[in-house]
Amino acid sequence: MDKEPTYVLIQCNLGAETDIIETITKMPNVVEVRGTYGTFDIFCRVVATSTETEKIVEQIRRISNIQSTTTLRTILSQGGK
């Protein structure tokens, strides 16, 4: 199976961002995780197989103080960079 990028947008409780970012940073196949301004509090980029990504997103969703997540799967056949 090919690895593909997936983006996870996270909303969390105020003040929990640093602890959540630290936890996610330690997960395998997470290549970027940053705090953000706007609707979402944290941006996370995962590069993994579909099965690995599902497990990572499940782990992220179980972290305390996370209110919600939005997962964006890429469509590689549409091109882009």
PDB file of N, CA and C in Angstrom:
ATOM      1  N   MET A   1       0.829  -1.189   0.000  1.00  0.00           N
ATOM      2  CA  MET A   1       0.000   0.000   0.000  1.00  0.00           C
ATOM      3  C   MET A   1       0.873   1.251   0.000  1.00  0.00           C
ATOM      4  N   ASP A   2       0.469   2.240  -0.767  1.00  0.00           N
ATOM      5  CA  ASP A   2       1.202   3.496  -0.820  1.00  0.00           C
ATOM      6  C   ASP A   2       0.835   4.383   0.349  1.00  0.00           C
ATOM      7  N   LYS A   3       1.826   5.166   0.774  1.00  0.00           N
ATOM      8  CA  LYS A   3       1.559   6.152   1.820  1.00  0.00           C
ATOM      9  C   LYS A   3       1.043   7.417   1.152  1.00  0.00           C
ATOM     10  N   GLU A   4       0.077   8.047   1.790  1.00  0.00           N
ATOM     11  CA  GLU A   4      -0.505   9.272   1.254  1.00  0.00           C
ATOM     12  C   GLU A   4      -0.717  10.268   2.388  1.00  0.00           C
ATOM     13  N   PRO A   5      -0.703  11.560   2.070  1.00  0.00           N
ATOM     14  CA  PRO A   5      -0.914  12.552   3.123  1.00  0.00           C
ATOM     15  C   PRO A   5      -2.378  12.666   3.524  1.00  0.00           C
ATOM     16  N   THR A   6      -2.587  12.844   4.803  1.00  0.00           N
ATOM     17  CA  THR A   6      -3.905  13.103   5.373  1.00  0.00           C
ATOM     18  C   THR A   6      -3.737  14.251   6.356  1.00  0.00           C
ATOM     19  N   TYR A   7      -4.711  15.135   6.394  1.00  0.00           N
ATOM     20  CA  TYR A   7      -4.662  16.295   7.285  1.00  0.00           C
ATOM     21  C   TYR A   7      -5.738  16.147   8.340  1.00  0.00           C
ATOM     22  N   VAL A   8      -5.370  16.406   9.584  1.00  0.00           N
ATOM     23  CA  VAL A   8      -6.319  16.330  10.687  1.00  0.00           C
ATOM     24  C   VAL A   8      -6.390  17.719  11.320  1.00  0.00           C
ATOM     25  N   LEU A   9      -7.592  18.288  11.340  1.00  0.00           N
ATOM     26  CA  LEU A   9      -7.831  19.595  11.941  1.00  0.00           C
ATOM     27  C   LEU A   9      -8.511  19.361  13.277  1.00  0.00           C
ATOM     28  N   ILE A  10      -7.996  19.996  14.322  1.00  0.00           N
ATOM     29  CA  ILE A  10      -8.413  19.669  15.686  1.00  0.00           C
ATOM     30  C   ILE A  10      -8.926  20.908  16.412  1.00  0.00           C
ATOM     31  N   GLN A  11     -10.045  20.746  17.094  1.00  0.00           N
ATOM     32  CA  GLN A  11     -10.551  21.759  18.020  1.00  0.00           C
ATOM     33  C   GLN A  11     -10.390  21.190  19.423  1.00  0.00           C
ATOM     34  N   CYS A  12      -9.863  22.015  20.337  1.00  0.00           N
ATOM     35  CA  CYS A  12      -9.610  21.521  21.687  1.00  0.00           C
ATOM     36  C   CYS A  12      -9.990  22.558  22.732  1.00  0.00           C
ATOM     37  N   ASN A  13      -9.914  22.147  23.984  1.00  0.00           N
ATOM     38  CA  ASN A  13     -10.185  23.061  25.083  1.00  0.00           C
ATOM     39  C   ASN A  13      -9.088  24.108  25.165  1.00  0.00           C
ATOM     40  N   LEU A  14      -9.466  25.320  25.510  1.00  0.00           N
ATOM     41  CA  LEU A  14      -8.535  26.428  25.640  1.00  0.00           C
ATOM     42  C   LEU A  14      -7.436  26.085  26.654  1.00  0.00           C
ATOM     43  N   GLY A  15      -6.197  26.281  26.238  1.00  0.00           N
ATOM     44  CA  GLY A  15      -5.058  26.022  27.112  1.00  0.00           C
ATOM     45  C   GLY A  15      -4.480  24.632  27.007  1.00  0.00           C
ATOM     46  N   ALA A  16      -5.148  23.740  26.269  1.00  0.00           N
ATOM     47  CA  ALA A  16      -4.676  22.354  26.149  1.00  0.00           C
ATOM     48  C   ALA A  16      -3.790  22.136  24.923  1.00  0.00           C
ATOM     49  N   GLU A  17      -3.626  23.161  24.109  1.00  0.00           N
ATOM     50  CA  GLU A  17      -2.936  23.008  22.821  1.00  0.00           C
ATOM     51  C   GLU A  17      -1.526  22.435  22.962  1.00  0.00           C
ATOM     52  N   THR A  18      -0.730  22.995  23.846  1.00  0.00           N
ATOM     53  CA  THR A  18       0.666  22.573  23.966  1.00  0.00           C
ATOM     54  C   THR A  18       0.784  21.099  24.345  1.00  0.00           C
ATOM     55  N   ASP A  19      -0.008  20.644  25.302  1.00  0.00           N
ATOM     56  CA  ASP A  19       0.037  19.236  25.716  1.00  0.00           C
ATOM     57  C   ASP A  19      -0.409  18.310  24.586  1.00  0.00           C
ATOM     58  N   ILE A  20      -1.442  18.713  23.860  1.00  0.00           N
ATOM     59  CA  ILE A  20      -1.936  17.898  22.748  1.00  0.00           C
ATOM     60  C   ILE A  20      -0.892  17.825  21.642  1.00  0.00           C
ATOM     61  N   ILE A  21      -0.301  18.963  21.304  1.00  0.00           N
ATOM     62  CA  ILE A  21       0.744  18.987  20.268  1.00  0.00           C
ATOM     63  C   ILE A  21       1.906  18.082  20.671  1.00  0.00           C
ATOM     64  N   GLU A  22       2.316  18.147  21.917  1.00  0.00           N
ATOM     65  CA  GLU A  22       3.418  17.309  22.405  1.00  0.00           C
ATOM     66  C   GLU A  22       3.079  15.823  22.267  1.00  0.00           C
ATOM     67  N   THR A  23       1.858  15.446  22.593  1.00  0.00           N
ATOM     68  CA  THR A  23       1.424  14.052  22.487  1.00  0.00           C
ATOM     69  C   THR A  23       1.403  13.587  21.031  1.00  0.00           C
ATOM     70  N   ILE A  24       0.834  14.399  20.164  1.00  0.00           N
ATOM     71  CA  ILE A  24       0.720  14.020  18.744  1.00  0.00           C
ATOM     72  C   ILE A  24       2.098  13.951  18.088  1.00  0.00           C
ATOM     73  N   THR A  25       3.015  14.830  18.478  1.00  0.00           N
ATOM     74  CA  THR A  25       4.366  14.847  17.907  1.00  0.00           C
ATOM     75  C   THR A  25       5.059  13.501  18.066  1.00  0.00           C
ATOM     76  N   LYS A  26       4.752  12.782  19.117  1.00  0.00           N
ATOM     77  CA  LYS A  26       5.396  11.493  19.411  1.00  0.00           C
ATOM     78  C   LYS A  26       4.815  10.326  18.612  1.00  0.00           C
ATOM     79  N   MET A  27       3.716  10.560  17.900  1.00  0.00           N
ATOM     80  CA  MET A  27       3.064   9.465  17.160  1.00  0.00           C
ATOM     81  C   MET A  27       3.815   9.168  15.861  1.00  0.00           C
ATOM     82  N   PRO A  28       3.909   7.887  15.494  1.00  0.00           N
ATOM     83  CA  PRO A  28       4.562   7.531  14.239  1.00  0.00           C
ATOM     84  C   PRO A  28       3.777   8.067  13.041  1.00  0.00           C
ATOM     85  N   ASN A  29       4.478   8.409  11.990  1.00  0.00           N
ATOM     86  CA  ASN A  29       3.917   8.868  10.716  1.00  0.00           C
ATOM     87  C   ASN A  29       3.312  10.265  10.774  1.00  0.00           C
ATOM     88  N   VAL A  30       3.404  10.942  11.914  1.00  0.00           N
ATOM     89  CA  VAL A  30       2.990  12.343  11.985  1.00  0.00           C
ATOM     90  C   VAL A  30       4.201  13.169  11.564  1.00  0.00           C
ATOM     91  N   VAL A  31       4.073  13.871  10.443  1.00  0.00           N
ATOM     92  CA  VAL A  31       5.206  14.621   9.911  1.00  0.00           C
ATOM     93  C   VAL A  31       5.152  16.110  10.254  1.00  0.00           C
ATOM     94  N   GLU A  32       4.000  16.580  10.701  1.00  0.00           N
ATOM     95  CA  GLU A  32       3.877  17.981  11.099  1.00  0.00           C
ATOM     96  C   GLU A  32       2.680  18.138  12.027  1.00  0.00           C
ATOM     97  N   VAL A  33       2.854  18.933  13.055  1.00  0.00           N
ATOM     98  CA  VAL A  33       1.742  19.284  13.948  1.00  0.00           C
ATOM     99  C   VAL A  33       2.027  20.678  14.485  1.00  0.00           C
ATOM    100  N   ARG A  34       1.044  21.579  14.321  1.00  0.00           N
ATOM    101  CA  ARG A  34       1.225  22.993  14.669  1.00  0.00           C
ATOM    102  C   ARG A  34      -0.049  23.558  15.280  1.00  0.00           C
ATOM    103  N   GLY A  35       0.122  24.494  16.178  1.00  0.00           N
ATOM    104  CA  GLY A  35      -1.005  25.272  16.656  1.00  0.00           C
ATOM    105  C   GLY A  35      -1.404  26.271  15.582  1.00  0.00           C
ATOM    106  N   THR A  36      -2.684  26.588  15.499  1.00  0.00           N
ATOM    107  CA  THR A  36      -3.173  27.503  14.467  1.00  0.00           C
ATOM    108  C   THR A  36      -4.178  28.495  15.059  1.00  0.00           C
ATOM    109  N   TYR A  37      -4.350  29.605  14.361  1.00  0.00           N
ATOM    110  CA  TYR A  37      -5.406  30.560  14.680  1.00  0.00           C
ATOM    111  C   TYR A  37      -6.605  30.242  13.802  1.00  0.00           C
ATOM    112  N   GLY A  38      -7.791  30.577  14.261  1.00  0.00           N
ATOM    113  CA  GLY A  38      -8.982  30.390  13.436  1.00  0.00           C
ATOM    114  C   GLY A  38      -9.914  29.348  14.017  1.00  0.00           C
ATOM    115  N   THR A  39     -10.693  28.750  13.148  1.00  0.00           N
ATOM    116  CA  THR A  39     -11.701  27.772  13.559  1.00  0.00           C
ATOM    117  C   THR A  39     -11.081  26.565  14.249  1.00  0.00           C
ATOM    118  N   PHE A  40      -9.926  26.144  13.773  1.00  0.00           N
ATOM    119  CA  PHE A  40      -9.259  24.973  14.339  1.00  0.00           C
ATOM    120  C   PHE A  40      -8.062  25.417  15.163  1.00  0.00           C
ATOM    121  N   ASP A  41      -7.775  24.677  16.227  1.00  0.00           N
ATOM    122  CA  ASP A  41      -6.691  25.027  17.145  1.00  0.00           C
ATOM    123  C   ASP A  41      -5.369  24.365  16.794  1.00  0.00           C
ATOM    124  N   ILE A  42      -5.453  23.200  16.142  1.00  0.00           N
ATOM    125  CA  ILE A  42      -4.248  22.433  15.811  1.00  0.00           C
ATOM    126  C   ILE A  42      -4.405  21.822  14.426  1.00  0.00           C
ATOM    127  N   PHE A  43      -3.312  21.860  13.668  1.00  0.00           N
ATOM    128  CA  PHE A  43      -3.220  21.267  12.334  1.00  0.00           C
ATOM    129  C   PHE A  43      -2.225  20.120  12.436  1.00  0.00           C
ATOM    130  N   CYS A  44      -2.555  18.980  11.865  1.00  0.00           N
ATOM    131  CA  CYS A  44      -1.679  17.809  11.908  1.00  0.00           C
ATOM    132  C   CYS A  44      -1.622  17.179  10.516  1.00  0.00           C
ATOM    133  N   ARG A  45      -0.415  16.856  10.051  1.00  0.00           N
ATOM    134  CA  ARG A  45      -0.249  16.180   8.759  1.00  0.00           C
ATOM    135  C   ARG A  45       0.350  14.800   9.014  1.00  0.00           C
ATOM    136  N   VAL A  46      -0.327  13.802   8.494  1.00  0.00           N
ATOM    137  CA  VAL A  46       0.080  12.408   8.637  1.00  0.00           C
ATOM    138  C   VAL A  46       0.398  11.878   7.245  1.00  0.00           C
ATOM    139  N   VAL A  47       1.505  11.154   7.110  1.00  0.00           N
ATOM    140  CA  VAL A  47       1.816  10.475   5.849  1.00  0.00           C
ATOM    141  C   VAL A  47       1.958   8.991   6.175  1.00  0.00           C
ATOM    142  N   ALA A  48       0.963   8.219   5.745  1.00  0.00           N
ATOM    143  CA  ALA A  48       0.912   6.806   6.109  1.00  0.00           C
ATOM    144  C   ALA A  48      -0.028   6.064   5.160  1.00  0.00           C
ATOM    145  N   THR A  49      -0.062   4.758   5.303  1.00  0.00           N
ATOM    146  CA  THR A  49      -1.034   3.974   4.549  1.00  0.00           C
ATOM    147  C   THR A  49      -2.418   4.261   5.111  1.00  0.00           C
ATOM    148  N   SER A  50      -3.419   3.880   4.397  1.00  0.00           N
ATOM    149  CA  SER A  50      -4.802   4.101   4.827  1.00  0.00           C
ATOM    150  C   SER A  50      -5.074   3.467   6.187  1.00  0.00           C
ATOM    151  N   THR A  51      -4.612   2.248   6.370  1.00  0.00           N
ATOM    152  CA  THR A  51      -4.819   1.530   7.632  1.00  0.00           C
ATOM    153  C   THR A  51      -4.091   2.219   8.779  1.00  0.00           C
ATOM    154  N   GLU A  52      -2.837   2.624   8.542  1.00  0.00           N
ATOM    155  CA  GLU A  52      -2.076   3.326   9.575  1.00  0.00           C
ATOM    156  C   GLU A  52      -2.738   4.645   9.943  1.00  0.00           C
ATOM    157  N   THR A  53      -3.222   5.361   8.933  1.00  0.00           N
ATOM    158  CA  THR A  53      -3.864   6.647   9.167  1.00  0.00           C
ATOM    159  C   THR A  53      -5.111   6.490  10.029  1.00  0.00           C
ATOM    160  N   GLU A  54      -5.908   5.489   9.750  1.00  0.00           N
ATOM    161  CA  GLU A  54      -7.115   5.249  10.559  1.00  0.00           C
ATOM    162  C   GLU A  54      -6.758   5.043  12.024  1.00  0.00           C
ATOM    163  N   LYS A  55      -5.686   4.291  12.289  1.00  0.00           N
ATOM    164  CA  LYS A  55      -5.259   4.045  13.667  1.00  0.00           C
ATOM    165  C   LYS A  55      -4.776   5.333  14.332  1.00  0.00           C
ATOM    166  N   ILE A  56      -4.019   6.140  13.594  1.00  0.00           N
ATOM    167  CA  ILE A  56      -3.501   7.391  14.142  1.00  0.00           C
ATOM    168  C   ILE A  56      -4.638   8.353  14.463  1.00  0.00           C
ATOM    169  N   VAL A  57      -5.592   8.486  13.546  1.00  0.00           N
ATOM    170  CA  VAL A  57      -6.725   9.386  13.779  1.00  0.00           C
ATOM    171  C   VAL A  57      -7.529   8.914  14.985  1.00  0.00           C
ATOM    172  N   GLU A  58      -7.694   7.621  15.125  1.00  0.00           N
ATOM    173  CA  GLU A  58      -8.400   7.076  16.286  1.00  0.00           C
ATOM    174  C   GLU A  58      -7.660   7.431  17.579  1.00  0.00           C
ATOM    175  N   GLN A  59      -6.329   7.325  17.564  1.00  0.00           N
ATOM    176  CA  GLN A  59      -5.530   7.693  18.739  1.00  0.00           C
ATOM    177  C   GLN A  59      -5.667   9.180  19.050  1.00  0.00           C
ATOM    178  N   ILE A  60      -5.624  10.003  18.019  1.00  0.00           N
ATOM    179  CA  ILE A  60      -5.750  11.449  18.211  1.00  0.00           C
ATOM    180  C   ILE A  60      -7.103  11.769  18.841  1.00  0.00           C
ATOM    181  N   ARG A  61      -8.156  11.164  18.340  1.00  0.00           N
ATOM    182  CA  ARG A  61      -9.510  11.457  18.832  1.00  0.00           C
ATOM    183  C   ARG A  61      -9.687  11.084  20.307  1.00  0.00           C
ATOM    184  N   ARG A  62      -8.859  10.186  20.814  1.00  0.00           N
ATOM    185  CA  ARG A  62      -8.961   9.744  22.209  1.00  0.00           C
ATOM    186  C   ARG A  62      -8.156  10.613  23.176  1.00  0.00           C
ATOM    187  N   ILE A  63      -7.384  11.554  22.674  1.00  0.00           N
ATOM    188  CA  ILE A  63      -6.592  12.420  23.550  1.00  0.00           C
ATOM    189  C   ILE A  63      -7.541  13.324  24.338  1.00  0.00           C
ATOM    190  N   SER A  64      -7.282  13.423  25.632  1.00  0.00           N
ATOM    191  CA  SER A  64      -8.166  14.251  26.456  1.00  0.00           C
ATOM    192  C   SER A  64      -8.057  15.717  26.048  1.00  0.00           C
ATOM    193  N   ASN A  65      -9.127  16.432  26.229  1.00  0.00           N
ATOM    194  CA  ASN A  65      -9.284  17.854  25.908  1.00  0.00           C
ATOM    195  C   ASN A  65      -9.485  18.150  24.426  1.00  0.00           C
ATOM    196  N   ILE A  66      -9.584  17.124  23.590  1.00  0.00           N
ATOM    197  CA  ILE A  66      -9.937  17.346  22.190  1.00  0.00           C
ATOM    198  C   ILE A  66     -11.459  17.329  22.093  1.00  0.00           C
ATOM    199  N   GLN A  67     -12.015  18.385  21.515  1.00  0.00           N
ATOM    200  CA  GLN A  67     -13.467  18.489  21.361  1.00  0.00           C
ATOM    201  C   GLN A  67     -13.946  17.837  20.076  1.00  0.00           C
ATOM    202  N   SER A  68     -13.205  18.075  18.959  1.00  0.00           N
ATOM    203  CA  SER A  68     -13.616  17.493  17.682  1.00  0.00           C
ATOM    204  C   SER A  68     -12.431  17.474  16.722  1.00  0.00           C
ATOM    205  N   THR A  69     -12.551  16.615  15.712  1.00  0.00           N
ATOM    206  CA  THR A  69     -11.543  16.549  14.649  1.00  0.00           C
ATOM    207  C   THR A  69     -12.240  16.528  13.296  1.00  0.00           C
ATOM    208  N   THR A  70     -11.548  17.041  12.302  1.00  0.00           N
ATOM    209  CA  THR A  70     -11.980  16.937  10.912  1.00  0.00           C
ATOM    210  C   THR A  70     -10.813  16.336  10.143  1.00  0.00           C
ATOM    211  N   THR A  71     -11.053  15.242   9.457  1.00  0.00           N
ATOM    212  CA  THR A  71      -9.997  14.555   8.716  1.00  0.00           C
ATOM    213  C   THR A  71     -10.167  14.810   7.229  1.00  0.00           C
ATOM    214  N   LEU A  72      -9.097  15.260   6.595  1.00  0.00           N
ATOM    215  CA  LEU A  72      -9.111  15.548   5.155  1.00  0.00           C
ATOM    216  C   LEU A  72      -8.194  14.561   4.457  1.00  0.00           C
ATOM    217  N   ARG A  73      -8.786  13.651   3.690  1.00  0.00           N
ATOM    218  CA  ARG A  73      -8.015  12.689   2.892  1.00  0.00           C
ATOM    219  C   ARG A  73      -7.763  13.301   1.526  1.00  0.00           C
ATOM    220  N   THR A  74      -6.581  13.139   1.018  1.00  0.00           N
ATOM    221  CA  THR A  74      -6.235  13.738  -0.268  1.00  0.00           C
ATOM    222  C   THR A  74      -6.695  12.879  -1.434  1.00  0.00           C
ATOM    223  N   ILE A  75      -6.870  13.524  -2.588  1.00  0.00           N
ATOM    224  CA  ILE A  75      -7.221  12.847  -3.839  1.00  0.00           C
ATOM    225  C   ILE A  75      -6.018  13.021  -4.758  1.00  0.00           C
ATOM    226  N   LEU A  76      -5.105  12.077  -4.702  1.00  0.00           N
ATOM    227  CA  LEU A  76      -3.845  12.197  -5.430  1.00  0.00           C
ATOM    228  C   LEU A  76      -4.047  12.260  -6.940  1.00  0.00           C
ATOM    229  N   SER A  77      -5.100  11.636  -7.457  1.00  0.00           N
ATOM    230  CA  SER A  77      -5.313  11.594  -8.899  1.00  0.00           C
ATOM    231  C   SER A  77      -5.670  12.971  -9.483  1.00  0.00           C
ATOM    232  N   GLN A  78      -6.001  13.939  -8.614  1.00  0.00           N
ATOM    233  CA  GLN A  78      -6.319  15.284  -9.096  1.00  0.00           C
ATOM    234  C   GLN A  78      -5.086  16.158  -9.241  1.00  0.00           C
ATOM    235  N   GLY A  79      -3.926  15.617  -8.901  1.00  0.00           N
ATOM    236  CA  GLY A  79      -2.681  16.372  -9.041  1.00  0.00           C
ATOM    237  C   GLY A  79      -2.439  17.295  -7.873  1.00  0.00           C
ATOM    238  N   GLY A  80      -1.672  18.328  -8.120  1.00  0.00           N
ATOM    239  CA  GLY A  80      -1.317  19.285  -7.080  1.00  0.00           C
ATOM    240  C   GLY A  80       0.097  19.054  -6.598  1.00  0.00           C
ATOM    241  N   LYS A  81       0.458  19.819  -5.600  1.00  0.00           N
ATOM    242  CA  LYS A  81       1.809  19.625  -5.019  1.00  0.00           C
ATOM    243  C   LYS A  81       1.851  19.985  -3.573  1.00  0.00           C
TER     244      LYS A  81
END
